[in-house]
Amino acid sequence: MDTVFTKIINRELPAKIIYEDDQILAFHDNAPQAPVHFLVIPKKPIRTLNDLTEDDKAVAGHMLFTAQRLATELGCKAGFRVVMNCNELGGQTVYHIHMHVLGQRQMHWPPG
C-alpha cells in the first residue's frame, strides 16, 4: 500500500512533523480547517478503521493519547475535535487510517 502518508513516513514527501516515535507520526495538515489542525497516523499501514485487528489496539490507543497530549501542548486546553473517517461514505480520501485533530475555534454539530 503506497499512499501520501507512506511517502511522508518514508520522507519521500515533506511534512511539518510535530511528533514521531517507532509506532506513529503526527504532522500539521497541509490545508488546515482550524488554527490548530494536525494528523496522527500509524506507521503500520492500516487501510481503514474496519481493518483494525485485535493486534492494533495498542497503536490505536497510542494515537488517541498522543492526539490529546499534542492538542494540549498546542494550546487547545479549552477543547478540540478528533475525527477519523472510514471508507468513501464516511469521507475517507486517503486509505491509511489517520486522525484529524482540530482546535482553537468553535466546532459545530452536525459536522456536515
Protein backbone atom coordinates (compact mmCIF):
# COMPACT_ATOMS: atom_id res chain seq x y z
CA MET A 1 0.00 0.00 0.00
CA ASP A 2 1.60 3.24 -1.16
CA THR A 3 -0.21 6.41 -0.07
CA VAL A 4 0.73 10.00 0.54
CA PHE A 5 1.14 9.05 4.22
CA THR A 6 3.51 6.21 3.38
CA LYS A 7 5.57 8.72 1.42
CA ILE A 8 5.61 11.09 4.41
CA ILE A 9 6.66 8.27 6.74
CA ASN A 10 9.46 7.34 4.30
CA ARG A 11 10.47 11.02 3.93
CA GLU A 12 9.67 10.97 0.23
CA LEU A 13 7.29 13.90 0.75
CA PRO A 14 7.81 16.82 3.13
CA ALA A 15 5.68 17.37 6.22
CA LYS A 16 5.78 19.64 9.25
CA ILE A 17 6.29 16.85 11.76
CA ILE A 18 5.39 17.62 15.37
CA TYR A 19 5.84 14.16 16.89
CA GLU A 20 7.35 10.82 15.93
CA ASP A 21 8.19 7.58 17.64
CA ASP A 22 8.58 3.99 16.46
CA GLN A 23 4.79 3.49 16.07
CA ILE A 24 3.22 6.79 14.99
CA LEU A 25 3.80 10.12 13.29
CA ALA A 26 2.00 13.45 13.83
CA PHE A 27 2.24 16.41 11.47
CA HIS A 28 0.42 19.63 10.60
CA ASP A 29 -2.30 19.40 7.94
CA ASN A 30 -1.38 20.99 4.59
CA ALA A 31 -4.90 22.51 4.25
CA PRO A 32 -5.85 23.38 7.84
CA GLN A 33 -9.52 23.76 8.70
CA ALA A 34 -8.81 25.31 12.11
CA PRO A 35 -6.00 27.34 13.70
CA VAL A 36 -4.67 24.04 15.05
CA HIS A 37 -5.08 21.12 12.64
CA PHE A 38 -2.76 18.15 12.66
CA LEU A 39 -2.92 14.48 11.76
CA VAL A 40 -1.83 11.43 13.72
CA ILE A 41 -1.07 8.30 11.70
CA PRO A 42 0.30 4.87 12.49
CA LYS A 43 3.50 3.89 10.74
CA LYS A 44 1.95 0.48 10.13
CA PRO A 45 -0.23 0.74 7.02
CA ILE A 46 -3.84 0.04 8.04
CA ARG A 47 -6.29 0.86 5.21
CA THR A 48 -9.47 1.70 7.15
CA LEU A 49 -10.88 1.57 10.66
CA ASN A 50 -12.68 -1.58 9.52
CA ASP A 51 -9.26 -3.19 9.01
CA LEU A 52 -8.12 -2.74 12.62
CA THR A 53 -7.42 -6.03 14.37
CA GLU A 54 -7.03 -7.05 17.97
CA ASP A 55 -3.26 -6.61 17.47
CA ASP A 56 -3.80 -2.93 16.59
CA LYS A 57 -5.46 -1.93 19.88
CA ALA A 58 -2.22 -0.63 21.39
CA VAL A 59 -1.32 1.59 18.42
CA ALA A 60 -4.90 2.93 18.19
CA GLY A 61 -4.81 3.85 21.87
CA HIS A 62 -1.37 5.38 21.47
CA MET A 63 -2.67 7.53 18.59
CA LEU A 64 -5.55 8.82 20.74
CA PHE A 65 -3.38 9.53 23.77
CA THR A 66 -0.81 11.33 21.61
CA ALA A 67 -3.56 13.40 19.94
CA GLN A 68 -4.78 14.54 23.36
CA ARG A 69 -1.26 15.37 24.59
CA LEU A 70 -0.29 17.29 21.44
CA ALA A 71 -3.60 19.20 21.33
CA THR A 72 -2.97 20.36 24.90
CA GLU A 73 0.64 21.33 24.10
CA LEU A 74 -0.54 23.29 21.05
CA GLY A 75 -2.96 25.40 23.11
CA CYS A 76 -6.26 23.53 22.79
CA LYS A 77 -6.98 23.19 26.51
CA ALA A 78 -10.46 24.71 26.04
CA GLY A 79 -11.40 21.92 23.63
CA PHE A 80 -10.65 20.22 20.35
CA ARG A 81 -12.19 17.76 17.92
CA VAL A 82 -10.80 14.39 16.85
CA VAL A 83 -12.08 12.99 13.54
CA MET A 84 -11.46 9.67 11.82
CA ASN A 85 -13.20 8.91 8.53
CA CYS A 86 -13.90 5.38 7.31
CA ASN A 87 -14.41 4.46 3.67
CA GLU A 88 -15.95 6.58 0.92
CA LEU A 89 -19.32 7.22 2.57
CA GLY A 90 -17.52 8.28 5.75
CA GLY A 91 -15.41 10.79 3.82
CA GLN A 92 -12.10 8.88 3.78
CA THR A 93 -9.86 10.00 0.91
CA VAL A 94 -6.50 8.52 1.94
CA TYR A 95 -6.65 4.79 2.62
CA HIS A 96 -4.24 4.73 5.56
CA ILE A 97 -6.03 5.38 8.83
CA HIS A 98 -5.45 8.83 10.24
CA MET A 99 -6.81 11.03 12.95
CA HIS A 100 -7.51 14.72 12.35
CA VAL A 101 -7.15 16.90 15.44
CA LEU A 102 -8.70 20.39 15.14
CA GLY A 103 -8.74 23.14 17.73
CA GLN A 104 -8.69 26.81 18.70
CA ARG A 105 -12.04 27.54 17.08
CA GLN A 106 -15.64 26.72 17.89
CA MET A 107 -16.74 23.40 16.42
CA HIS A 108 -20.38 22.91 15.40
CA TRP A 109 -22.70 19.92 15.21
CA PRO A 110 -23.62 18.26 12.97
CA PRO A 111 -20.27 18.48 11.17
CA GLY A 112 -21.76 18.15 7.66
